[in-house]
Amino acid sequence: MLDIKKLRYFVAVAEEGHFGRAATRLGISQPPLSDHIQQLEGLLQTTLLHRTTRRVSLTQEGMALLQHARKILSDIDQCAQVVQQSNSQQNLILRLGILHAHTYTFLPNLLRHYLRAHPAMRIELVEYTTREQVDTLVGEQVDVGLVREPVNHPALKTVRLFTEHYALAAPAEWRLPRTTPIPVSVVHDKTLIGYPSHDDKRSTRSLFRDYLQRHQVKPAGFIEVRTMHAALALVAAGLGCAPVPESQTSMQFPGLKYHRFKEIPPRLSVGLAWREDHSTAPIADFKKAALEFFTLT
């Protein structure tokens, strides 16, 4: 059977012109080297070498094989280089998990800040909902993720980036006080639209239920949806009001207006999370850039 070892041995003998020197170059004894060359000649059914006691020279068939053998061995060596380059390129890719709401608030400027320091890196964005953020990180679909805190999972590490208050999104047609901030009493007898705040167990509805009760405000009812964007669509349709993070108030949405509360409202925190067993240099670099960015802004 023709294999790579026989070709390497043949090239060594052809280039050294001597079995002893070729054996030394290959780090083997001369007898097995001679055996491999004889096996190669038997497989190809031809004589590849002229042998004398002092030197070895190539036959015409040997010269033809030498040209192709060198090319084959060169291609094999390049296979390792290709794999190494592929691994290097993979190390230059950061899979970043994001919540959709981040895409039109701080994310563009955060990425710009990070890439200024690491221009060779390529970012792959993976969107998830607050309910999906933990499973996506634990399932290794992303390297690091921007998450709504708290995140409680033994396989994940987190660092807090910033904390902000909730504001109120209300239909533009509602006659609310023109002054800002507005009192929480404006929600009395209004329908409150909620959505998951960060997991299946907690939502903005549960957060604001306690807040409203503390201020003796009773909504007319509750509507629960899966995302903040669905809630805003219902608000714009005049079906109720919804709490939103203050950072989201920069997003223009026809048919609604944003208002800040006079009484201190509930807060939410955004952090960075990654798997504890996957602390790589690109993750550390992104963490450093994110902390710098939110310290400056």
C-alpha atoms as a PDB file:
ATOM      1  CA  MET A   1       0.000   0.000   0.000  1.00  0.00           C
ATOM      2  CA  LEU A   2       1.370   3.374  -1.009  1.00  0.00           C
ATOM      3  CA  ASP A   3       1.523   5.654   2.037  1.00  0.00           C
ATOM      4  CA  ILE A   4       3.001   8.978   3.077  1.00  0.00           C
ATOM      5  CA  LYS A   5       5.850   7.395   5.031  1.00  0.00           C
ATOM      6  CA  LYS A   6       7.199   5.646   1.947  1.00  0.00           C
ATOM      7  CA  LEU A   7       7.078   8.877  -0.039  1.00  0.00           C
ATOM      8  CA  ARG A   8       8.923  10.773   2.721  1.00  0.00           C
ATOM      9  CA  TYR A   9      11.582   8.088   2.885  1.00  0.00           C
ATOM     10  CA  PHE A  10      11.975   8.106  -0.898  1.00  0.00           C
ATOM     11  CA  VAL A  11      12.369  11.898  -1.036  1.00  0.00           C
ATOM     12  CA  ALA A  12      14.972  11.798   1.741  1.00  0.00           C
ATOM     13  CA  VAL A  13      17.036   9.176  -0.098  1.00  0.00           C
ATOM     14  CA  ALA A  14      16.683  11.039  -3.412  1.00  0.00           C
ATOM     15  CA  GLU A  15      17.767  14.362  -1.894  1.00  0.00           C
ATOM     16  CA  GLU A  16      20.629  12.935   0.186  1.00  0.00           C
ATOM     17  CA  GLY A  17      21.841  10.579  -2.543  1.00  0.00           C
ATOM     18  CA  HIS A  18      22.874   8.118   0.154  1.00  0.00           C
ATOM     19  CA  PHE A  19      20.970   5.619   2.317  1.00  0.00           C
ATOM     20  CA  GLY A  20      23.101   6.247   5.405  1.00  0.00           C
ATOM     21  CA  ARG A  21      22.696  10.044   5.329  1.00  0.00           C
ATOM     22  CA  ALA A  22      18.961   9.670   4.590  1.00  0.00           C
ATOM     23  CA  ALA A  23      18.550   7.323   7.561  1.00  0.00           C
ATOM     24  CA  THR A  24      20.328   9.821   9.822  1.00  0.00           C
ATOM     25  CA  ARG A  25      18.091  12.631   8.529  1.00  0.00           C
ATOM     26  CA  LEU A  26      14.967  10.563   9.200  1.00  0.00           C
ATOM     27  CA  GLY A  27      16.155   9.337  12.590  1.00  0.00           C
ATOM     28  CA  ILE A  28      15.898   5.646  11.720  1.00  0.00           C
ATOM     29  CA  SER A  29      18.351   2.827  10.976  1.00  0.00           C
ATOM     30  CA  GLN A  30      19.312   2.006   7.411  1.00  0.00           C
ATOM     31  CA  PRO A  31      17.764  -1.514   7.055  1.00  0.00           C
ATOM     32  CA  PRO A  32      14.111  -0.462   7.536  1.00  0.00           C
ATOM     33  CA  LEU A  33      14.722   2.486   5.203  1.00  0.00           C
ATOM     34  CA  SER A  34      15.968   0.115   2.481  1.00  0.00           C
ATOM     35  CA  ASP A  35      12.963  -2.144   3.101  1.00  0.00           C
ATOM     36  CA  HIS A  36      10.480   0.756   2.599  1.00  0.00           C
ATOM     37  CA  ILE A  37      12.152   1.823  -0.651  1.00  0.00           C
ATOM     38  CA  GLN A  38      12.053  -1.760  -1.952  1.00  0.00           C
ATOM     39  CA  GLN A  39       8.352  -1.985  -0.991  1.00  0.00           C
ATOM     40  CA  LEU A  40       7.672   1.280  -2.820  1.00  0.00           C
ATOM     41  CA  GLU A  41       9.418  -0.037  -5.962  1.00  0.00           C
ATOM     42  CA  GLY A  42       7.393  -3.229  -5.674  1.00  0.00           C
ATOM     43  CA  LEU A  43       4.118  -1.315  -5.408  1.00  0.00           C
ATOM     44  CA  LEU A  44       4.980   0.814  -8.426  1.00  0.00           C
ATOM     45  CA  GLN A  45       6.515  -2.134 -10.253  1.00  0.00           C
ATOM     46  CA  THR A  46       9.575  -0.154 -11.321  1.00  0.00           C
ATOM     47  CA  THR A  47      13.116   0.662 -10.247  1.00  0.00           C
ATOM     48  CA  LEU A  48      13.403   4.122  -8.729  1.00  0.00           C
ATOM     49  CA  LEU A  49      17.077   4.165  -7.724  1.00  0.00           C
ATOM     50  CA  HIS A  50      20.453   3.185  -9.126  1.00  0.00           C
ATOM     51  CA  ARG A  51      22.393   1.853  -6.140  1.00  0.00           C
ATOM     52  CA  THR A  52      26.182   1.681  -5.753  1.00  0.00           C
ATOM     53  CA  THR A  53      28.300   1.219  -2.664  1.00  0.00           C
ATOM     54  CA  ARG A  54      29.064   4.947  -2.552  1.00  0.00           C
ATOM     55  CA  ARG A  55      25.971   6.753  -3.780  1.00  0.00           C
ATOM     56  CA  VAL A  56      22.395   6.506  -4.987  1.00  0.00           C
ATOM     57  CA  SER A  57      21.032   8.143  -8.132  1.00  0.00           C
ATOM     58  CA  LEU A  58      17.537   8.376  -9.564  1.00  0.00           C
ATOM     59  CA  THR A  59      16.272   6.451 -12.534  1.00  0.00           C
ATOM     60  CA  GLN A  60      14.062   8.258 -15.033  1.00  0.00           C
ATOM     61  CA  GLU A  61      11.024   6.861 -13.199  1.00  0.00           C
ATOM     62  CA  GLY A  62      12.525   7.996  -9.877  1.00  0.00           C
ATOM     63  CA  MET A  63      12.968  11.555 -11.167  1.00  0.00           C
ATOM     64  CA  ALA A  64       9.339  11.631 -12.291  1.00  0.00           C
ATOM     65  CA  LEU A  65       8.144  10.354  -8.904  1.00  0.00           C
ATOM     66  CA  LEU A  66      10.328  12.815  -6.981  1.00  0.00           C
ATOM     67  CA  GLN A  67       8.570  15.797  -8.571  1.00  0.00           C
ATOM     68  CA  HIS A  68       5.104  14.521  -7.644  1.00  0.00           C
ATOM     69  CA  ALA A  69       6.165  13.225  -4.216  1.00  0.00           C
ATOM     70  CA  ARG A  70       7.485  16.655  -3.248  1.00  0.00           C
ATOM     71  CA  LYS A  71       4.188  18.251  -4.297  1.00  0.00           C
ATOM     72  CA  ILE A  72       2.157  15.683  -2.365  1.00  0.00           C
ATOM     73  CA  LEU A  73       4.234  16.169   0.796  1.00  0.00           C
ATOM     74  CA  SER A  74       4.018  19.955   0.415  1.00  0.00           C
ATOM     75  CA  ASP A  75       0.223  19.765   0.139  1.00  0.00           C
ATOM     76  CA  ILE A  76       0.074  17.605   3.264  1.00  0.00           C
ATOM     77  CA  ASP A  77       2.197  20.106   5.178  1.00  0.00           C
ATOM     78  CA  GLN A  78      -0.161  22.879   4.050  1.00  0.00           C
ATOM     79  CA  CYS A  79      -3.106  20.949   5.499  1.00  0.00           C
ATOM     80  CA  ALA A  80      -1.734  21.578   8.982  1.00  0.00           C
ATOM     81  CA  GLN A  81      -1.225  25.263   8.156  1.00  0.00           C
ATOM     82  CA  VAL A  82      -4.794  25.561   6.888  1.00  0.00           C
ATOM     83  CA  VAL A  83      -6.142  24.043  10.103  1.00  0.00           C
ATOM     84  CA  GLN A  84      -3.971  26.337  12.230  1.00  0.00           C
ATOM     85  CA  GLN A  85      -5.112  29.376  10.253  1.00  0.00           C
ATOM     86  CA  SER A  86      -8.725  28.267  10.678  1.00  0.00           C
ATOM     87  CA  ASN A  87      -8.245  28.012  14.446  1.00  0.00           C
ATOM     88  CA  SER A  88      -6.627  31.450  14.437  1.00  0.00           C
ATOM     89  CA  GLN A  89      -9.563  32.915  12.523  1.00  0.00           C
ATOM     90  CA  GLN A  90     -12.005  31.319  14.953  1.00  0.00           C
ATOM     91  CA  ASN A  91     -10.152  33.045  17.793  1.00  0.00           C
ATOM     92  CA  LEU A  92     -10.874  36.349  16.031  1.00  0.00           C
ATOM     93  CA  ILE A  93     -14.643  35.802  16.110  1.00  0.00           C
ATOM     94  CA  LEU A  94     -16.713  36.811  19.141  1.00  0.00           C
ATOM     95  CA  ARG A  95     -20.285  35.504  19.286  1.00  0.00           C
ATOM     96  CA  LEU A  96     -22.204  38.115  21.254  1.00  0.00           C
ATOM     97  CA  GLY A  97     -25.673  37.460  22.617  1.00  0.00           C
ATOM     98  CA  ILE A  98     -27.988  40.469  22.731  1.00  0.00           C
ATOM     99  CA  LEU A  99     -31.523  41.438  23.632  1.00  0.00           C
ATOM    100  CA  HIS A 100     -33.317  43.070  20.724  1.00  0.00           C
ATOM    101  CA  ALA A 101     -33.942  46.252  22.700  1.00  0.00           C
ATOM    102  CA  HIS A 102     -30.190  46.834  22.945  1.00  0.00           C
ATOM    103  CA  THR A 103     -29.759  47.107  19.174  1.00  0.00           C
ATOM    104  CA  TYR A 104     -31.155  50.633  18.952  1.00  0.00           C
ATOM    105  CA  THR A 105     -29.879  51.987  22.283  1.00  0.00           C
ATOM    106  CA  PHE A 106     -26.308  51.495  23.492  1.00  0.00           C
ATOM    107  CA  LEU A 107     -25.150  48.529  21.376  1.00  0.00           C
ATOM    108  CA  PRO A 108     -23.852  50.379  18.268  1.00  0.00           C
ATOM    109  CA  ASN A 109     -21.664  52.714  20.335  1.00  0.00           C
ATOM    110  CA  LEU A 110     -20.492  49.849  22.558  1.00  0.00           C
ATOM    111  CA  LEU A 111     -19.384  47.832  19.517  1.00  0.00           C
ATOM    112  CA  ARG A 112     -17.658  50.884  18.045  1.00  0.00           C
ATOM    113  CA  HIS A 113     -15.770  51.384  21.317  1.00  0.00           C
ATOM    114  CA  TYR A 114     -14.683  47.731  21.436  1.00  0.00           C
ATOM    115  CA  LEU A 115     -13.641  47.486  17.785  1.00  0.00           C
ATOM    116  CA  ARG A 116     -11.501  50.609  18.013  1.00  0.00           C
ATOM    117  CA  ALA A 117      -9.250  48.682  20.393  1.00  0.00           C
ATOM    118  CA  HIS A 118      -9.614  45.343  18.566  1.00  0.00           C
ATOM    119  CA  PRO A 119     -10.045  46.094  14.841  1.00  0.00           C
ATOM    120  CA  ALA A 120      -9.152  42.530  13.763  1.00  0.00           C
ATOM    121  CA  MET A 121     -12.056  40.999  15.677  1.00  0.00           C
ATOM    122  CA  ARG A 122     -15.309  40.060  13.967  1.00  0.00           C
ATOM    123  CA  ILE A 123     -18.586  40.199  15.896  1.00  0.00           C
ATOM    124  CA  GLU A 124     -21.404  37.712  15.320  1.00  0.00           C
ATOM    125  CA  LEU A 125     -24.651  38.890  16.932  1.00  0.00           C
ATOM    126  CA  VAL A 126     -27.097  36.311  18.289  1.00  0.00           C
ATOM    127  CA  GLU A 127     -30.474  37.653  19.418  1.00  0.00           C
ATOM    128  CA  TYR A 128     -32.453  36.112  22.256  1.00  0.00           C
ATOM    129  CA  THR A 129     -35.325  37.041  24.550  1.00  0.00           C
ATOM    130  CA  THR A 130     -34.993  37.484  28.291  1.00  0.00           C
ATOM    131  CA  ARG A 131     -36.483  33.999  28.703  1.00  0.00           C
ATOM    132  CA  GLU A 132     -33.881  32.511  26.356  1.00  0.00           C
ATOM    133  CA  GLN A 133     -30.753  34.299  27.567  1.00  0.00           C
ATOM    134  CA  VAL A 134     -29.588  31.699  30.113  1.00  0.00           C
ATOM    135  CA  ASP A 135     -30.246  28.668  27.886  1.00  0.00           C
ATOM    136  CA  THR A 136     -28.441  30.340  24.983  1.00  0.00           C
ATOM    137  CA  LEU A 137     -25.339  30.998  27.097  1.00  0.00           C
ATOM    138  CA  VAL A 138     -25.288  27.601  28.797  1.00  0.00           C
ATOM    139  CA  GLY A 139     -25.932  25.893  25.448  1.00  0.00           C
ATOM    140  CA  GLU A 140     -22.729  27.473  24.058  1.00  0.00           C
ATOM    141  CA  GLN A 141     -24.550  29.255  21.233  1.00  0.00           C
ATOM    142  CA  VAL A 142     -22.717  32.454  22.189  1.00  0.00           C
ATOM    143  CA  ASP A 143     -19.375  33.250  23.831  1.00  0.00           C
ATOM    144  CA  VAL A 144     -20.627  36.142  25.935  1.00  0.00           C
ATOM    145  CA  GLY A 145     -24.001  37.839  26.271  1.00  0.00           C
ATOM    146  CA  LEU A 146     -25.621  41.094  27.319  1.00  0.00           C
ATOM    147  CA  VAL A 147     -28.268  40.006  29.807  1.00  0.00           C
ATOM    148  CA  ARG A 148     -31.073  41.335  31.945  1.00  0.00           C
ATOM    149  CA  GLU A 149     -30.091  40.690  35.567  1.00  0.00           C
ATOM    150  CA  PRO A 150     -30.290  38.837  37.820  1.00  0.00           C
ATOM    151  CA  VAL A 151     -28.908  35.712  36.158  1.00  0.00           C
ATOM    152  CA  ASN A 152     -28.671  32.746  38.511  1.00  0.00           C
ATOM    153  CA  HIS A 153     -26.975  29.700  37.047  1.00  0.00           C
ATOM    154  CA  PRO A 154     -23.983  27.800  38.475  1.00  0.00           C
ATOM    155  CA  ALA A 155     -22.285  27.541  35.062  1.00  0.00           C
ATOM    156  CA  LEU A 156     -22.362  31.297  34.378  1.00  0.00           C
ATOM    157  CA  LYS A 157     -20.354  34.268  35.610  1.00  0.00           C
ATOM    158  CA  THR A 158     -21.708  37.802  35.363  1.00  0.00           C
ATOM    159  CA  VAL A 159     -20.614  41.382  35.804  1.00  0.00           C
ATOM    160  CA  ARG A 160     -23.018  44.317  36.076  1.00  0.00           C
ATOM    161  CA  LEU A 161     -22.727  47.040  33.441  1.00  0.00           C
ATOM    162  CA  PHE A 162     -25.415  49.555  34.442  1.00  0.00           C
ATOM    163  CA  THR A 163     -28.681  50.040  36.304  1.00  0.00           C
ATOM    164  CA  GLU A 164     -31.608  52.197  35.229  1.00  0.00           C
ATOM    165  CA  HIS A 165     -35.188  53.025  36.256  1.00  0.00           C
ATOM    166  CA  TYR A 166     -38.367  52.200  34.421  1.00  0.00           C
ATOM    167  CA  ALA A 167     -40.406  54.884  32.673  1.00  0.00           C
ATOM    168  CA  LEU A 168     -43.988  54.742  31.370  1.00  0.00           C
ATOM    169  CA  ALA A 169     -45.104  54.347  27.765  1.00  0.00           C
ATOM    170  CA  ALA A 170     -48.639  55.673  27.338  1.00  0.00           C
ATOM    171  CA  PRO A 171     -50.903  56.316  24.337  1.00  0.00           C
ATOM    172  CA  ALA A 172     -50.303  59.775  22.887  1.00  0.00           C
ATOM    173  CA  GLU A 173     -54.059  60.391  23.029  1.00  0.00           C
ATOM    174  CA  TRP A 174     -54.208  60.091  26.820  1.00  0.00           C
ATOM    175  CA  ARG A 175     -54.551  63.394  28.612  1.00  0.00           C
ATOM    176  CA  LEU A 176     -51.698  63.156  31.062  1.00  0.00           C
ATOM    177  CA  PRO A 177     -50.046  66.005  32.982  1.00  0.00           C
ATOM    178  CA  ARG A 178     -47.782  68.027  30.730  1.00  0.00           C
ATOM    179  CA  THR A 179     -45.231  68.422  33.473  1.00  0.00           C
ATOM    180  CA  THR A 180     -42.559  65.783  33.874  1.00  0.00           C
ATOM    181  CA  PRO A 181     -42.022  63.653  35.822  1.00  0.00           C
ATOM    182  CA  ILE A 182     -45.617  62.507  36.208  1.00  0.00           C
ATOM    183  CA  PRO A 183     -47.186  61.044  39.375  1.00  0.00           C
ATOM    184  CA  VAL A 184     -47.764  57.288  39.427  1.00  0.00           C
ATOM    185  CA  SER A 185     -51.449  57.977  40.120  1.00  0.00           C
ATOM    186  CA  VAL A 186     -51.977  58.478  36.355  1.00  0.00           C
ATOM    187  CA  VAL A 187     -51.993  54.666  36.052  1.00  0.00           C
ATOM    188  CA  HIS A 188     -55.057  54.389  38.310  1.00  0.00           C
ATOM    189  CA  ASP A 189     -57.966  52.727  36.465  1.00  0.00           C
ATOM    190  CA  LYS A 190     -55.742  52.176  33.412  1.00  0.00           C
ATOM    191  CA  THR A 191     -54.809  48.812  31.897  1.00  0.00           C
ATOM    192  CA  LEU A 192     -51.192  47.865  32.569  1.00  0.00           C
ATOM    193  CA  ILE A 193     -49.407  45.832  29.882  1.00  0.00           C
ATOM    194  CA  GLY A 194     -46.572  43.621  31.134  1.00  0.00           C
ATOM    195  CA  TYR A 195     -43.881  41.385  29.652  1.00  0.00           C
ATOM    196  CA  PRO A 196     -41.061  39.196  31.073  1.00  0.00           C
ATOM    197  CA  SER A 197     -38.474  41.283  32.875  1.00  0.00           C
ATOM    198  CA  HIS A 198     -35.775  38.604  32.692  1.00  0.00           C
ATOM    199  CA  ASP A 199     -37.177  35.089  33.083  1.00  0.00           C
ATOM    200  CA  ASP A 200     -40.345  32.998  33.272  1.00  0.00           C
ATOM    201  CA  LYS A 201     -40.969  33.817  36.934  1.00  0.00           C
ATOM    202  CA  ARG A 202     -40.816  37.595  36.945  1.00  0.00           C
ATOM    203  CA  SER A 203     -42.328  40.208  34.680  1.00  0.00           C
ATOM    204  CA  THR A 204     -42.813  43.959  34.650  1.00  0.00           C
ATOM    205  CA  ARG A 205     -46.361  43.208  35.764  1.00  0.00           C
ATOM    206  CA  SER A 206     -45.187  41.636  39.045  1.00  0.00           C
ATOM    207  CA  LEU A 207     -42.582  44.377  39.567  1.00  0.00           C
ATOM    208  CA  PHE A 208     -45.123  47.145  39.103  1.00  0.00           C
ATOM    209  CA  ARG A 209     -47.903  45.436  41.050  1.00  0.00           C
ATOM    210  CA  ASP A 210     -45.918  45.950  44.250  1.00  0.00           C
ATOM    211  CA  TYR A 211     -44.901  49.469  43.228  1.00  0.00           C
ATOM    212  CA  LEU A 212     -48.506  50.490  42.507  1.00  0.00           C
ATOM    213  CA  GLN A 213     -49.855  48.943  45.685  1.00  0.00           C
ATOM    214  CA  ARG A 214     -47.274  50.838  47.708  1.00  0.00           C
ATOM    215  CA  HIS A 215     -48.650  54.068  46.251  1.00  0.00           C
ATOM    216  CA  GLN A 216     -52.284  52.918  46.544  1.00  0.00           C
ATOM    217  CA  VAL A 217     -52.785  52.849  42.772  1.00  0.00           C
ATOM    218  CA  LYS A 218     -55.098  50.200  41.321  1.00  0.00           C
ATOM    219  CA  PRO A 219     -54.982  49.485  37.558  1.00  0.00           C
ATOM    220  CA  ALA A 220     -58.176  48.555  35.740  1.00  0.00           C
ATOM    221  CA  GLY A 221     -56.573  45.289  34.591  1.00  0.00           C
ATOM    222  CA  PHE A 222     -53.472  43.574  33.245  1.00  0.00           C
ATOM    223  CA  ILE A 223     -52.404  42.289  29.857  1.00  0.00           C
ATOM    224  CA  GLU A 224     -49.357  40.015  29.590  1.00  0.00           C
ATOM    225  CA  VAL A 225     -47.344  39.693  26.344  1.00  0.00           C
ATOM    226  CA  ARG A 226     -44.021  38.045  25.461  1.00  0.00           C
ATOM    227  CA  THR A 227     -41.909  41.069  24.491  1.00  0.00           C
ATOM    228  CA  MET A 228     -41.605  44.763  25.159  1.00  0.00           C
ATOM    229  CA  HIS A 229     -42.198  45.490  21.476  1.00  0.00           C
ATOM    230  CA  ALA A 230     -45.541  43.694  21.568  1.00  0.00           C
ATOM    231  CA  ALA A 231     -46.424  45.752  24.639  1.00  0.00           C
ATOM    232  CA  LEU A 232     -45.536  48.993  22.849  1.00  0.00           C
ATOM    233  CA  ALA A 233     -47.708  48.015  19.897  1.00  0.00           C
ATOM    234  CA  LEU A 234     -50.685  47.600  22.241  1.00  0.00           C
ATOM    235  CA  VAL A 235     -49.881  50.913  23.913  1.00  0.00           C
ATOM    236  CA  ALA A 236     -49.790  52.682  20.551  1.00  0.00           C
ATOM    237  CA  ALA A 237     -53.178  51.125  19.787  1.00  0.00           C
ATOM    238  CA  GLY A 238     -54.581  52.770  22.917  1.00  0.00           C
ATOM    239  CA  LEU A 239     -55.127  49.516  24.849  1.00  0.00           C
ATOM    240  CA  GLY A 240     -53.151  50.450  27.928  1.00  0.00           C
ATOM    241  CA  CYS A 241     -49.801  51.645  29.261  1.00  0.00           C
ATOM    242  CA  ALA A 242     -46.548  49.766  29.802  1.00  0.00           C
ATOM    243  CA  PRO A 243     -43.403  50.234  31.864  1.00  0.00           C
ATOM    244  CA  VAL A 244     -40.224  50.427  29.778  1.00  0.00           C
ATOM    245  CA  PRO A 245     -36.543  50.872  30.679  1.00  0.00           C
ATOM    246  CA  GLU A 246     -35.527  54.532  30.491  1.00  0.00           C
ATOM    247  CA  SER A 247     -32.904  53.729  27.865  1.00  0.00           C
ATOM    248  CA  GLN A 248     -35.669  52.548  25.541  1.00  0.00           C
ATOM    249  CA  THR A 249     -37.374  55.931  25.533  1.00  0.00           C
ATOM    250  CA  SER A 250     -35.035  57.021  22.744  1.00  0.00           C
ATOM    251  CA  MET A 251     -36.920  54.690  20.388  1.00  0.00           C
ATOM    252  CA  GLN A 252     -39.595  56.609  18.506  1.00  0.00           C
ATOM    253  CA  PHE A 253     -42.897  54.748  18.255  1.00  0.00           C
ATOM    254  CA  PRO A 254     -45.905  56.395  16.535  1.00  0.00           C
ATOM    255  CA  GLY A 255     -48.948  56.763  18.735  1.00  0.00           C
ATOM    256  CA  LEU A 256     -47.299  56.796  22.136  1.00  0.00           C
ATOM    257  CA  LYS A 257     -45.317  59.029  24.458  1.00  0.00           C
ATOM    258  CA  TYR A 258     -42.812  58.302  27.202  1.00  0.00           C
ATOM    259  CA  HIS A 259     -43.037  59.732  30.713  1.00  0.00           C
ATOM    260  CA  ARG A 260     -40.777  59.536  33.751  1.00  0.00           C
ATOM    261  CA  PHE A 261     -42.288  58.834  37.154  1.00  0.00           C
ATOM    262  CA  LYS A 262     -42.216  61.346  39.985  1.00  0.00           C
ATOM    263  CA  GLU A 263     -42.111  58.581  42.612  1.00  0.00           C
ATOM    264  CA  ILE A 264     -38.981  56.410  42.417  1.00  0.00           C
ATOM    265  CA  PRO A 265     -39.960  53.461  40.170  1.00  0.00           C
ATOM    266  CA  PRO A 266     -38.525  49.922  40.044  1.00  0.00           C
ATOM    267  CA  ARG A 267     -35.085  49.510  38.517  1.00  0.00           C
ATOM    268  CA  LEU A 268     -33.481  46.957  36.234  1.00  0.00           C
ATOM    269  CA  SER A 269     -29.862  46.019  35.653  1.00  0.00           C
ATOM    270  CA  VAL A 270     -28.041  44.964  32.513  1.00  0.00           C
ATOM    271  CA  GLY A 271     -24.951  42.812  32.792  1.00  0.00           C
ATOM    272  CA  LEU A 272     -22.492  40.710  30.858  1.00  0.00           C
ATOM    273  CA  ALA A 273     -22.530  36.922  31.260  1.00  0.00           C
ATOM    274  CA  TRP A 274     -20.319  34.088  30.046  1.00  0.00           C
ATOM    275  CA  ARG A 275     -19.678  30.429  30.884  1.00  0.00           C
ATOM    276  CA  GLU A 276     -17.255  29.997  33.764  1.00  0.00           C
ATOM    277  CA  ASP A 277     -15.417  27.205  31.906  1.00  0.00           C
ATOM    278  CA  HIS A 278     -14.989  29.380  28.802  1.00  0.00           C
ATOM    279  CA  SER A 279     -13.002  32.423  29.971  1.00  0.00           C
ATOM    280  CA  THR A 280     -11.029  33.293  26.826  1.00  0.00           C
ATOM    281  CA  ALA A 281      -8.933  36.331  25.934  1.00  0.00           C
ATOM    282  CA  PRO A 282     -11.589  37.763  23.529  1.00  0.00           C
ATOM    283  CA  ILE A 283     -14.213  37.514  26.299  1.00  0.00           C
ATOM    284  CA  ALA A 284     -11.881  39.258  28.743  1.00  0.00           C
ATOM    285  CA  ASP A 285     -11.187  41.987  26.174  1.00  0.00           C
ATOM    286  CA  PHE A 286     -14.894  42.558  25.530  1.00  0.00           C
ATOM    287  CA  LYS A 287     -15.647  42.633  29.254  1.00  0.00           C
ATOM    288  CA  LYS A 288     -12.929  45.263  29.756  1.00  0.00           C
ATOM    289  CA  ALA A 289     -14.240  47.366  26.851  1.00  0.00           C
ATOM    290  CA  ALA A 290     -17.838  47.140  28.083  1.00  0.00           C
ATOM    291  CA  LEU A 291     -16.911  48.235  31.603  1.00  0.00           C
ATOM    292  CA  GLU A 292     -14.878  51.125  30.188  1.00  0.00           C
ATOM    293  CA  PHE A 293     -17.738  52.144  27.902  1.00  0.00           C
ATOM    294  CA  PHE A 294     -20.379  52.287  30.624  1.00  0.00           C
ATOM    295  CA  THR A 295     -18.002  54.084  32.979  1.00  0.00           C
ATOM    296  CA  LEU A 296     -17.557  56.817  30.344  1.00  0.00           C
ATOM    297  CA  THR A 297     -21.242  57.136  29.371  1.00  0.00           C
END
